[in-house]
Amino acid sequence: MAVKHTEIDNLPGGILAVNKPVGVSSHDVVNKIRRLYNTKRVGHAGTLDPLAEGVLIVLVGRAAKACEYISSDRKTYTATLRLGLVTDTEDITGEVLEKYEGELPAYGEVAAVCEGFRGKIMQTPPMYSALKVNGQKLYDLARRGVTVERQAREVEVLDISCKPTDRASDFTLTVTCSGGTYIRTLCADIGKRLGCGGVMATLRRDEACGVLLSQTSTIEELEAMDENGRMAQLRDVEGLFYDIPKISLSPFFEKLFRDGCPIYQKKIKTSLDLGARVRVCTQSGEFFALGEVGEHTDGSAVKSIKIFKL
């Protein structure tokens, strides 16, 4: 049966900043947004586990095509590190594998170890994650009792701070990091380095893609709005690419670009590096596409990789 496209399906769409609550999955949020916006074209940027809350960037309509190209991947989290435990999921929801019976490290030692994780580090993705290996999500394999070898990969912790809490085993971490960083694994690795084990007890994403938690809407707030109110919550897709270069094209070059022709840099007087991603705008400055710089027949040129506005 053919899918019936709604009027909203044909709109450009945009970015929706949602405050995801604890206890629901990112996919649950996507399904709710599909219903509220009457479109199947919904995706999200950066999965949040059911245990976590906070900023979830949801991509509605044509914006859903942006997911694989998002470069604004810096994120900020507040997490609770709980020392003295090791679990199979690296958080408090998992099966306890080890329980430390000795005296737990004092705040000074914990803070010093946390500082050692600042900068570029190698991190092995956890089995309970949405990362795919040979086409299968790791958490699907883990639930079947299958463990596969994962390659450690480089991530960057741009900033990290640690504060004590009223509970001797718990410490509040504030972490700003690159996309692809697992805070659960960071907690587990800190615990391992301290020699007592550690898990993530709580997690809140405070910022993603330049959007702060204070700028989000809850599902309940969106449900209470009428259609016009919900549409007004959509941000322009360009916000996802604020940190990459921008070019503006005259109507003549815009038409060529939209038709798939490479636009030679010497013609538009730019000198962007090969491989660079660029925001492409109309002559008046309206964003409509992503382009990429490559080497073509007559030299370096910008060519379309995704059109967001027709």
C-alpha atoms as a PDB file:
ATOM      1  CA  MET A   1       0.000   0.000   0.000  1.00  0.00           C
ATOM      2  CA  ALA A   2       1.439   3.365  -1.014  1.00  0.00           C
ATOM      3  CA  VAL A   3       2.310   5.819   1.717  1.00  0.00           C
ATOM      4  CA  LYS A   4       0.072   8.860   1.660  1.00  0.00           C
ATOM      5  CA  HIS A   5       2.156  12.003   1.957  1.00  0.00           C
ATOM      6  CA  THR A   6       0.670  14.837   3.960  1.00  0.00           C
ATOM      7  CA  GLU A   7       1.061  18.543   3.326  1.00  0.00           C
ATOM      8  CA  ILE A   8       3.501  18.677   6.241  1.00  0.00           C
ATOM      9  CA  ASP A   9       5.562  15.937   4.562  1.00  0.00           C
ATOM     10  CA  ASN A  10       6.195  18.325   1.698  1.00  0.00           C
ATOM     11  CA  LEU A  11       7.334  21.191   3.916  1.00  0.00           C
ATOM     12  CA  PRO A  12      11.087  21.798   4.352  1.00  0.00           C
ATOM     13  CA  GLY A  13      10.890  20.780   8.022  1.00  0.00           C
ATOM     14  CA  GLY A  14      13.543  21.639  10.577  1.00  0.00           C
ATOM     15  CA  ILE A  15      15.272  20.897  13.853  1.00  0.00           C
ATOM     16  CA  LEU A  16      13.232  20.152  16.947  1.00  0.00           C
ATOM     17  CA  ALA A  17      14.978  20.343  20.313  1.00  0.00           C
ATOM     18  CA  VAL A  18      13.294  17.898  22.704  1.00  0.00           C
ATOM     19  CA  ASN A  19      13.911  17.387  26.417  1.00  0.00           C
ATOM     20  CA  LYS A  20      13.845  13.583  26.557  1.00  0.00           C
ATOM     21  CA  PRO A  21      12.721  12.226  29.927  1.00  0.00           C
ATOM     22  CA  VAL A  22      14.217   9.262  31.766  1.00  0.00           C
ATOM     23  CA  GLY A  23      12.542   5.948  30.989  1.00  0.00           C
ATOM     24  CA  VAL A  24      11.841   6.345  27.283  1.00  0.00           C
ATOM     25  CA  SER A  25      14.069   5.570  24.316  1.00  0.00           C
ATOM     26  CA  SER A  26      15.122   7.982  21.593  1.00  0.00           C
ATOM     27  CA  HIS A  27      13.061   5.865  19.188  1.00  0.00           C
ATOM     28  CA  ASP A  28       9.996   6.338  21.420  1.00  0.00           C
ATOM     29  CA  VAL A  29      10.446  10.116  21.083  1.00  0.00           C
ATOM     30  CA  VAL A  30      10.775   9.843  17.289  1.00  0.00           C
ATOM     31  CA  ASN A  31       7.493   7.901  17.126  1.00  0.00           C
ATOM     32  CA  LYS A  32       5.702  10.563  19.184  1.00  0.00           C
ATOM     33  CA  ILE A  33       7.057  13.335  16.942  1.00  0.00           C
ATOM     34  CA  ARG A  34       5.935  11.441  13.823  1.00  0.00           C
ATOM     35  CA  ARG A  35       2.409  11.457  15.216  1.00  0.00           C
ATOM     36  CA  LEU A  36       2.477  15.084  16.369  1.00  0.00           C
ATOM     37  CA  TYR A  37       3.854  16.371  13.056  1.00  0.00           C
ATOM     38  CA  ASN A  38       1.912  13.909  10.899  1.00  0.00           C
ATOM     39  CA  THR A  39       4.969  12.749   8.959  1.00  0.00           C
ATOM     40  CA  LYS A  40       7.073   9.604   8.766  1.00  0.00           C
ATOM     41  CA  ARG A  41      10.157  11.647   7.902  1.00  0.00           C
ATOM     42  CA  VAL A  42      11.645  12.002  11.371  1.00  0.00           C
ATOM     43  CA  GLY A  43      15.087  11.069  12.653  1.00  0.00           C
ATOM     44  CA  HIS A  44      17.372  12.091  15.489  1.00  0.00           C
ATOM     45  CA  ALA A  45      20.971  13.103  16.002  1.00  0.00           C
ATOM     46  CA  GLY A  46      22.744  11.246  18.789  1.00  0.00           C
ATOM     47  CA  THR A  47      20.959   8.472  20.675  1.00  0.00           C
ATOM     48  CA  LEU A  48      20.139   8.939  24.360  1.00  0.00           C
ATOM     49  CA  ASP A  49      19.694   5.751  26.416  1.00  0.00           C
ATOM     50  CA  PRO A  50      16.405   5.259  28.327  1.00  0.00           C
ATOM     51  CA  LEU A  51      18.376   5.926  31.538  1.00  0.00           C
ATOM     52  CA  ALA A  52      19.414   9.358  30.242  1.00  0.00           C
ATOM     53  CA  GLU A  53      17.491  12.608  29.946  1.00  0.00           C
ATOM     54  CA  GLY A  54      18.101  15.934  28.270  1.00  0.00           C
ATOM     55  CA  VAL A  55      18.706  17.413  24.841  1.00  0.00           C
ATOM     56  CA  LEU A  56      17.659  15.186  21.950  1.00  0.00           C
ATOM     57  CA  ILE A  57      17.922  16.786  18.516  1.00  0.00           C
ATOM     58  CA  VAL A  58      15.024  15.542  16.385  1.00  0.00           C
ATOM     59  CA  LEU A  59      15.072  16.108  12.618  1.00  0.00           C
ATOM     60  CA  VAL A  60      11.655  16.641  11.034  1.00  0.00           C
ATOM     61  CA  GLY A  61      10.735  16.532   7.331  1.00  0.00           C
ATOM     62  CA  ARG A  62      13.544  17.313   4.910  1.00  0.00           C
ATOM     63  CA  ALA A  63      15.838  17.969   7.879  1.00  0.00           C
ATOM     64  CA  ALA A  64      15.952  14.188   8.455  1.00  0.00           C
ATOM     65  CA  LYS A  65      18.365  14.025   5.524  1.00  0.00           C
ATOM     66  CA  ALA A  66      20.914  15.965   7.567  1.00  0.00           C
ATOM     67  CA  CYS A  67      21.632  13.215  10.094  1.00  0.00           C
ATOM     68  CA  GLU A  68      24.654  11.663   8.391  1.00  0.00           C
ATOM     69  CA  TYR A  69      26.225  15.059   7.667  1.00  0.00           C
ATOM     70  CA  ILE A  70      25.995  16.715  11.064  1.00  0.00           C
ATOM     71  CA  SER A  71      29.365  18.162  11.999  1.00  0.00           C
ATOM     72  CA  SER A  72      28.353  20.054  15.160  1.00  0.00           C
ATOM     73  CA  ASP A  73      29.035  17.054  17.352  1.00  0.00           C
ATOM     74  CA  ARG A  74      30.251  18.690  20.557  1.00  0.00           C
ATOM     75  CA  LYS A  75      28.061  17.711  23.511  1.00  0.00           C
ATOM     76  CA  THR A  76      27.942  18.556  27.218  1.00  0.00           C
ATOM     77  CA  TYR A  77      26.719  16.137  29.900  1.00  0.00           C
ATOM     78  CA  THR A  78      26.146  16.027  33.631  1.00  0.00           C
ATOM     79  CA  ALA A  79      26.561  12.502  34.999  1.00  0.00           C
ATOM     80  CA  THR A  80      26.738  10.700  38.311  1.00  0.00           C
ATOM     81  CA  LEU A  81      29.778   8.436  38.679  1.00  0.00           C
ATOM     82  CA  ARG A  82      29.157   5.695  41.234  1.00  0.00           C
ATOM     83  CA  LEU A  83      32.292   3.959  42.478  1.00  0.00           C
ATOM     84  CA  GLY A  84      32.573   0.431  43.831  1.00  0.00           C
ATOM     85  CA  LEU A  85      30.575  -1.394  41.133  1.00  0.00           C
ATOM     86  CA  VAL A  86      31.244  -3.048  37.788  1.00  0.00           C
ATOM     87  CA  THR A  87      28.264  -4.017  35.599  1.00  0.00           C
ATOM     88  CA  ASP A  88      27.886  -5.544  32.159  1.00  0.00           C
ATOM     89  CA  THR A  89      26.244  -2.354  30.822  1.00  0.00           C
ATOM     90  CA  GLU A  90      28.644   0.073  32.555  1.00  0.00           C
ATOM     91  CA  ASP A  91      25.640   1.731  34.235  1.00  0.00           C
ATOM     92  CA  ILE A  92      23.362   0.931  37.181  1.00  0.00           C
ATOM     93  CA  THR A  93      20.803  -0.887  35.029  1.00  0.00           C
ATOM     94  CA  GLY A  94      23.125  -3.792  34.303  1.00  0.00           C
ATOM     95  CA  GLU A  95      24.009  -7.037  35.996  1.00  0.00           C
ATOM     96  CA  VAL A  96      26.538  -6.528  38.778  1.00  0.00           C
ATOM     97  CA  LEU A  97      29.769  -8.338  37.892  1.00  0.00           C
ATOM     98  CA  GLU A  98      31.953  -7.038  40.722  1.00  0.00           C
ATOM     99  CA  LYS A  99      31.374  -5.202  43.988  1.00  0.00           C
ATOM    100  CA  TYR A 100      34.307  -3.495  45.695  1.00  0.00           C
ATOM    101  CA  GLU A 101      34.438  -4.104  49.439  1.00  0.00           C
ATOM    102  CA  GLY A 102      37.413  -1.896  50.324  1.00  0.00           C
ATOM    103  CA  GLU A 103      37.585   1.782  51.239  1.00  0.00           C
ATOM    104  CA  LEU A 104      36.570   4.003  48.353  1.00  0.00           C
ATOM    105  CA  PRO A 105      38.933   6.708  47.078  1.00  0.00           C
ATOM    106  CA  ALA A 106      38.603  10.224  48.485  1.00  0.00           C
ATOM    107  CA  TYR A 107      37.475  13.184  46.395  1.00  0.00           C
ATOM    108  CA  GLY A 108      40.982  14.504  45.738  1.00  0.00           C
ATOM    109  CA  GLU A 109      42.112  11.233  44.197  1.00  0.00           C
ATOM    110  CA  VAL A 110      38.940  10.919  42.108  1.00  0.00           C
ATOM    111  CA  ALA A 111      39.275  14.492  40.797  1.00  0.00           C
ATOM    112  CA  ALA A 112      42.924  13.921  39.880  1.00  0.00           C
ATOM    113  CA  VAL A 113      42.119  10.739  37.960  1.00  0.00           C
ATOM    114  CA  CYS A 114      39.282  12.493  36.123  1.00  0.00           C
ATOM    115  CA  GLU A 115      41.738  15.193  34.985  1.00  0.00           C
ATOM    116  CA  GLY A 116      43.807  12.438  33.397  1.00  0.00           C
ATOM    117  CA  PHE A 117      40.973  11.807  30.931  1.00  0.00           C
ATOM    118  CA  ARG A 118      41.054  15.339  29.565  1.00  0.00           C
ATOM    119  CA  GLY A 119      42.102  15.578  25.916  1.00  0.00           C
ATOM    120  CA  LYS A 120      42.185  12.929  23.192  1.00  0.00           C
ATOM    121  CA  ILE A 121      41.735   9.427  24.585  1.00  0.00           C
ATOM    122  CA  MET A 122      41.135   5.943  23.220  1.00  0.00           C
ATOM    123  CA  GLN A 123      37.769   4.479  24.148  1.00  0.00           C
ATOM    124  CA  THR A 124      36.298   1.037  23.432  1.00  0.00           C
ATOM    125  CA  PRO A 125      32.546   1.252  22.690  1.00  0.00           C
ATOM    126  CA  PRO A 126      30.423  -0.753  25.158  1.00  0.00           C
ATOM    127  CA  MET A 127      28.547  -3.865  24.066  1.00  0.00           C
ATOM    128  CA  TYR A 128      25.301  -2.243  25.174  1.00  0.00           C
ATOM    129  CA  SER A 129      25.305   0.494  22.536  1.00  0.00           C
ATOM    130  CA  ALA A 130      23.614   1.287  19.225  1.00  0.00           C
ATOM    131  CA  LEU A 131      26.894   0.985  17.343  1.00  0.00           C
ATOM    132  CA  LYS A 132      26.703  -1.524  14.491  1.00  0.00           C
ATOM    133  CA  VAL A 133      29.199  -4.306  13.788  1.00  0.00           C
ATOM    134  CA  ASN A 134      28.660  -6.216  10.553  1.00  0.00           C
ATOM    135  CA  GLY A 135      25.224  -4.655  10.249  1.00  0.00           C
ATOM    136  CA  GLN A 136      24.055  -5.663  13.720  1.00  0.00           C
ATOM    137  CA  LYS A 137      23.586  -3.336  16.683  1.00  0.00           C
ATOM    138  CA  LEU A 138      25.835  -4.238  19.574  1.00  0.00           C
ATOM    139  CA  TYR A 139      23.029  -4.163  22.144  1.00  0.00           C
ATOM    140  CA  ASP A 140      21.057  -6.714  20.088  1.00  0.00           C
ATOM    141  CA  LEU A 141      24.064  -9.040  20.177  1.00  0.00           C
ATOM    142  CA  ALA A 142      24.628  -8.371  23.892  1.00  0.00           C
ATOM    143  CA  ARG A 143      21.028  -9.270  24.726  1.00  0.00           C
ATOM    144  CA  ARG A 144      21.583 -12.636  23.032  1.00  0.00           C
ATOM    145  CA  GLY A 145      24.671 -13.197  25.146  1.00  0.00           C
ATOM    146  CA  VAL A 146      27.058 -12.583  22.237  1.00  0.00           C
ATOM    147  CA  THR A 147      30.194 -10.520  22.814  1.00  0.00           C
ATOM    148  CA  VAL A 148      32.230  -9.306  19.845  1.00  0.00           C
ATOM    149  CA  GLU A 149      35.601  -7.634  19.690  1.00  0.00           C
ATOM    150  CA  ARG A 150      35.335  -3.845  19.387  1.00  0.00           C
ATOM    151  CA  GLN A 151      38.076  -1.583  18.139  1.00  0.00           C
ATOM    152  CA  ALA A 152      39.104   1.245  20.443  1.00  0.00           C
ATOM    153  CA  ARG A 153      38.657   4.621  18.789  1.00  0.00           C
ATOM    154  CA  GLU A 154      39.815   8.140  19.489  1.00  0.00           C
ATOM    155  CA  VAL A 155      37.415  10.549  21.174  1.00  0.00           C
ATOM    156  CA  GLU A 156      38.097  13.888  22.816  1.00  0.00           C
ATOM    157  CA  VAL A 157      37.169  15.098  26.281  1.00  0.00           C
ATOM    158  CA  LEU A 158      37.327  18.867  25.887  1.00  0.00           C
ATOM    159  CA  ASP A 159      36.518  19.596  29.516  1.00  0.00           C
ATOM    160  CA  ILE A 160      35.797  17.530  32.625  1.00  0.00           C
ATOM    161  CA  SER A 161      35.091  18.473  36.221  1.00  0.00           C
ATOM    162  CA  CYS A 162      34.276  16.397  39.284  1.00  0.00           C
ATOM    163  CA  LYS A 163      32.390  17.346  42.435  1.00  0.00           C
ATOM    164  CA  PRO A 164      31.596  15.275  45.540  1.00  0.00           C
ATOM    165  CA  THR A 165      28.017  14.529  46.626  1.00  0.00           C
ATOM    166  CA  ASP A 166      26.410  13.606  49.943  1.00  0.00           C
ATOM    167  CA  ARG A 167      27.019   9.949  49.082  1.00  0.00           C
ATOM    168  CA  ALA A 168      30.634   8.768  49.499  1.00  0.00           C
ATOM    169  CA  SER A 169      30.459   6.552  46.422  1.00  0.00           C
ATOM    170  CA  ASP A 170      28.925   9.180  44.101  1.00  0.00           C
ATOM    171  CA  PHE A 171      30.542  12.069  42.252  1.00  0.00           C
ATOM    172  CA  THR A 172      29.008  14.558  39.831  1.00  0.00           C
ATOM    173  CA  LEU A 173      30.851  14.791  36.512  1.00  0.00           C
ATOM    174  CA  THR A 174      30.398  17.611  34.004  1.00  0.00           C
ATOM    175  CA  VAL A 175      31.841  16.582  30.654  1.00  0.00           C
ATOM    176  CA  THR A 176      32.134  18.385  27.334  1.00  0.00           C
ATOM    177  CA  CYS A 177      33.222  15.972  24.639  1.00  0.00           C
ATOM    178  CA  SER A 178      33.258  15.067  20.982  1.00  0.00           C
ATOM    179  CA  GLY A 179      30.443  13.105  19.402  1.00  0.00           C
ATOM    180  CA  GLY A 180      30.775   9.345  19.797  1.00  0.00           C
ATOM    181  CA  THR A 181      32.037   9.595  23.389  1.00  0.00           C
ATOM    182  CA  TYR A 182      30.318   7.143  25.733  1.00  0.00           C
ATOM    183  CA  ILE A 183      29.888   8.630  29.199  1.00  0.00           C
ATOM    184  CA  ARG A 184      29.096   5.158  30.590  1.00  0.00           C
ATOM    185  CA  THR A 185      32.445   3.939  29.356  1.00  0.00           C
ATOM    186  CA  LEU A 186      34.181   7.052  30.694  1.00  0.00           C
ATOM    187  CA  CYS A 187      32.735   6.289  34.159  1.00  0.00           C
ATOM    188  CA  ALA A 188      33.801   2.649  33.901  1.00  0.00           C
ATOM    189  CA  ASP A 189      37.313   3.629  32.796  1.00  0.00           C
ATOM    190  CA  ILE A 190      37.673   6.126  35.662  1.00  0.00           C
ATOM    191  CA  GLY A 191      36.587   3.425  38.110  1.00  0.00           C
ATOM    192  CA  LYS A 192      39.035   0.970  36.586  1.00  0.00           C
ATOM    193  CA  ARG A 193      41.910   3.430  36.882  1.00  0.00           C
ATOM    194  CA  LEU A 194      40.987   4.064  40.541  1.00  0.00           C
ATOM    195  CA  GLY A 195      41.044   0.299  41.125  1.00  0.00           C
ATOM    196  CA  CYS A 196      37.560   0.096  42.612  1.00  0.00           C
ATOM    197  CA  GLY A 197      35.311  -0.042  39.550  1.00  0.00           C
ATOM    198  CA  GLY A 198      32.730   2.505  38.521  1.00  0.00           C
ATOM    199  CA  VAL A 199      29.405   2.839  36.718  1.00  0.00           C
ATOM    200  CA  MET A 200      27.208   5.651  35.456  1.00  0.00           C
ATOM    201  CA  ALA A 201      24.239   6.175  37.790  1.00  0.00           C
ATOM    202  CA  THR A 202      22.539   9.119  36.051  1.00  0.00           C
ATOM    203  CA  LEU A 203      23.053  11.058  32.832  1.00  0.00           C
ATOM    204  CA  ARG A 204      21.710  14.349  31.509  1.00  0.00           C
ATOM    205  CA  ARG A 205      22.683  15.856  28.172  1.00  0.00           C
ATOM    206  CA  ASP A 206      22.876  19.619  28.694  1.00  0.00           C
ATOM    207  CA  GLU A 207      23.912  20.681  25.183  1.00  0.00           C
ATOM    208  CA  ALA A 208      24.004  19.172  21.698  1.00  0.00           C
ATOM    209  CA  CYS A 209      24.511  20.770  18.265  1.00  0.00           C
ATOM    210  CA  GLY A 210      24.703  24.171  19.931  1.00  0.00           C
ATOM    211  CA  VAL A 211      21.281  23.762  21.602  1.00  0.00           C
ATOM    212  CA  LEU A 212      21.019  24.154  25.388  1.00  0.00           C
ATOM    213  CA  LEU A 213      18.658  22.223  27.647  1.00  0.00           C
ATOM    214  CA  SER A 214      16.879  25.498  28.469  1.00  0.00           C
ATOM    215  CA  GLN A 215      15.982  25.819  24.777  1.00  0.00           C
ATOM    216  CA  THR A 216      14.160  22.482  24.518  1.00  0.00           C
ATOM    217  CA  SER A 217      10.495  21.495  24.728  1.00  0.00           C
ATOM    218  CA  THR A 218       9.052  18.460  26.468  1.00  0.00           C
ATOM    219  CA  ILE A 219       6.744  16.048  24.672  1.00  0.00           C
ATOM    220  CA  GLU A 220       3.928  17.187  26.974  1.00  0.00           C
ATOM    221  CA  GLU A 221       4.486  20.826  25.970  1.00  0.00           C
ATOM    222  CA  LEU A 222       4.419  19.913  22.275  1.00  0.00           C
ATOM    223  CA  GLU A 223       1.243  17.868  22.754  1.00  0.00           C
ATOM    224  CA  ALA A 224      -0.460  20.868  24.345  1.00  0.00           C
ATOM    225  CA  MET A 225       0.263  23.098  21.319  1.00  0.00           C
ATOM    226  CA  ASP A 226      -1.845  23.465  18.190  1.00  0.00           C
ATOM    227  CA  GLU A 227      -0.318  22.716  14.778  1.00  0.00           C
ATOM    228  CA  ASN A 228       0.893  26.287  14.260  1.00  0.00           C
ATOM    229  CA  GLY A 229       2.555  26.291  17.655  1.00  0.00           C
ATOM    230  CA  ARG A 230       4.366  23.024  16.962  1.00  0.00           C
ATOM    231  CA  MET A 231       5.542  24.223  13.546  1.00  0.00           C
ATOM    232  CA  ALA A 232       6.906  27.371  15.196  1.00  0.00           C
ATOM    233  CA  GLN A 233       9.198  25.174  17.337  1.00  0.00           C
ATOM    234  CA  LEU A 234      11.116  23.973  14.263  1.00  0.00           C
ATOM    235  CA  ARG A 235      14.525  25.586  13.869  1.00  0.00           C
ATOM    236  CA  ASP A 236      16.279  26.098  10.559  1.00  0.00           C
ATOM    237  CA  VAL A 237      18.483  23.192   9.435  1.00  0.00           C
ATOM    238  CA  GLU A 238      21.386  25.564   8.934  1.00  0.00           C
ATOM    239  CA  GLY A 239      21.884  25.617  12.698  1.00  0.00           C
ATOM    240  CA  LEU A 240      23.301  22.093  12.496  1.00  0.00           C
ATOM    241  CA  PHE A 241      26.160  23.361  10.335  1.00  0.00           C
ATOM    242  CA  TYR A 242      27.028  26.647  12.000  1.00  0.00           C
ATOM    243  CA  ASP A 243      30.714  25.730  12.316  1.00  0.00           C
ATOM    244  CA  ILE A 244      31.480  25.103   8.621  1.00  0.00           C
ATOM    245  CA  PRO A 245      32.191  27.703   5.863  1.00  0.00           C
ATOM    246  CA  LYS A 246      29.360  29.431   4.049  1.00  0.00           C
ATOM    247  CA  ILE A 247      29.113  30.483   0.406  1.00  0.00           C
ATOM    248  CA  SER A 248      26.399  32.412  -1.438  1.00  0.00           C
ATOM    249  CA  LEU A 249      25.573  31.769  -5.085  1.00  0.00           C
ATOM    250  CA  SER A 250      24.094  34.097  -7.673  1.00  0.00           C
ATOM    251  CA  PRO A 251      20.840  32.876  -9.301  1.00  0.00           C
ATOM    252  CA  PHE A 252      22.847  31.647 -12.311  1.00  0.00           C
ATOM    253  CA  PHE A 253      25.245  29.500 -10.255  1.00  0.00           C
ATOM    254  CA  GLU A 254      22.461  28.440  -7.871  1.00  0.00           C
ATOM    255  CA  LYS A 255      20.529  26.882 -10.770  1.00  0.00           C
ATOM    256  CA  LEU A 256      23.641  25.057 -12.006  1.00  0.00           C
ATOM    257  CA  PHE A 257      24.360  23.831  -8.479  1.00  0.00           C
ATOM    258  CA  ARG A 258      20.795  22.564  -8.021  1.00  0.00           C
ATOM    259  CA  ASP A 259      21.096  20.730 -11.345  1.00  0.00           C
ATOM    260  CA  GLY A 260      24.128  18.847 -10.008  1.00  0.00           C
ATOM    261  CA  CYS A 261      26.862  20.796 -11.776  1.00  0.00           C
ATOM    262  CA  PRO A 262      30.169  21.501 -10.003  1.00  0.00           C
ATOM    263  CA  ILE A 263      30.692  25.204  -9.285  1.00  0.00           C
ATOM    264  CA  TYR A 264      34.343  26.040  -9.842  1.00  0.00           C
ATOM    265  CA  GLN A 265      35.932  28.051  -7.079  1.00  0.00           C
ATOM    266  CA  LYS A 266      37.736  30.319  -9.548  1.00  0.00           C
ATOM    267  CA  LYS A 267      34.300  31.345 -10.896  1.00  0.00           C
ATOM    268  CA  ILE A 268      32.909  32.340  -7.496  1.00  0.00           C
ATOM    269  CA  LYS A 269      36.229  33.607  -6.096  1.00  0.00           C
ATOM    270  CA  THR A 270      36.571  31.194  -3.162  1.00  0.00           C
ATOM    271  CA  SER A 271      39.592  29.160  -2.025  1.00  0.00           C
ATOM    272  CA  LEU A 272      38.234  26.432   0.210  1.00  0.00           C
ATOM    273  CA  ASP A 273      40.316  23.326   0.960  1.00  0.00           C
ATOM    274  CA  LEU A 274      39.674  20.070  -0.877  1.00  0.00           C
ATOM    275  CA  GLY A 275      37.240  17.894   1.054  1.00  0.00           C
ATOM    276  CA  ALA A 276      35.734  20.834   2.948  1.00  0.00           C
ATOM    277  CA  ARG A 277      31.993  20.785   3.627  1.00  0.00           C
ATOM    278  CA  VAL A 278      30.197  24.081   2.987  1.00  0.00           C
ATOM    279  CA  ARG A 279      26.822  25.660   3.689  1.00  0.00           C
ATOM    280  CA  VAL A 280      25.398  26.783   0.367  1.00  0.00           C
ATOM    281  CA  CYS A 281      23.085  29.791   0.349  1.00  0.00           C
ATOM    282  CA  THR A 282      21.169  31.833  -2.167  1.00  0.00           C
ATOM    283  CA  GLN A 283      22.380  35.278  -3.157  1.00  0.00           C
ATOM    284  CA  SER A 284      20.195  36.732  -0.391  1.00  0.00           C
ATOM    285  CA  GLY A 285      21.826  34.438   2.190  1.00  0.00           C
ATOM    286  CA  GLU A 286      19.117  31.765   2.593  1.00  0.00           C
ATOM    287  CA  PHE A 287      20.596  28.327   3.324  1.00  0.00           C
ATOM    288  CA  PHE A 288      19.390  25.571   0.998  1.00  0.00           C
ATOM    289  CA  ALA A 289      22.060  22.875   0.619  1.00  0.00           C
ATOM    290  CA  LEU A 290      25.285  21.249   1.710  1.00  0.00           C
ATOM    291  CA  GLY A 291      28.186  21.093  -0.695  1.00  0.00           C
ATOM    292  CA  GLU A 292      31.622  19.538  -0.717  1.00  0.00           C
ATOM    293  CA  VAL A 293      34.822  20.752  -2.340  1.00  0.00           C
ATOM    294  CA  GLY A 294      36.456  18.325  -4.754  1.00  0.00           C
ATOM    295  CA  GLU A 295      38.819  18.181  -7.702  1.00  0.00           C
ATOM    296  CA  HIS A 296      36.988  18.227 -11.024  1.00  0.00           C
ATOM    297  CA  THR A 297      37.865  18.479 -14.737  1.00  0.00           C
ATOM    298  CA  ASP A 298      38.802  22.156 -14.687  1.00  0.00           C
ATOM    299  CA  GLY A 299      39.982  22.476 -11.116  1.00  0.00           C
ATOM    300  CA  SER A 300      38.656  22.719  -7.580  1.00  0.00           C
ATOM    301  CA  ALA A 301      34.863  23.012  -7.365  1.00  0.00           C
ATOM    302  CA  VAL A 302      31.937  22.831  -4.945  1.00  0.00           C
ATOM    303  CA  LYS A 303      29.321  20.186  -5.720  1.00  0.00           C
ATOM    304  CA  SER A 304      26.013  19.411  -4.043  1.00  0.00           C
ATOM    305  CA  ILE A 305      25.811  16.511  -1.596  1.00  0.00           C
ATOM    306  CA  LYS A 306      22.359  17.271  -0.139  1.00  0.00           C
ATOM    307  CA  ILE A 307      19.589  19.725  -1.025  1.00  0.00           C
ATOM    308  CA  PHE A 308      17.370  20.728   1.916  1.00  0.00           C
ATOM    309  CA  LYS A 309      15.158  23.379   0.347  1.00  0.00           C
ATOM    310  CA  LEU A 310      13.702  23.077  -3.138  1.00  0.00           C
END
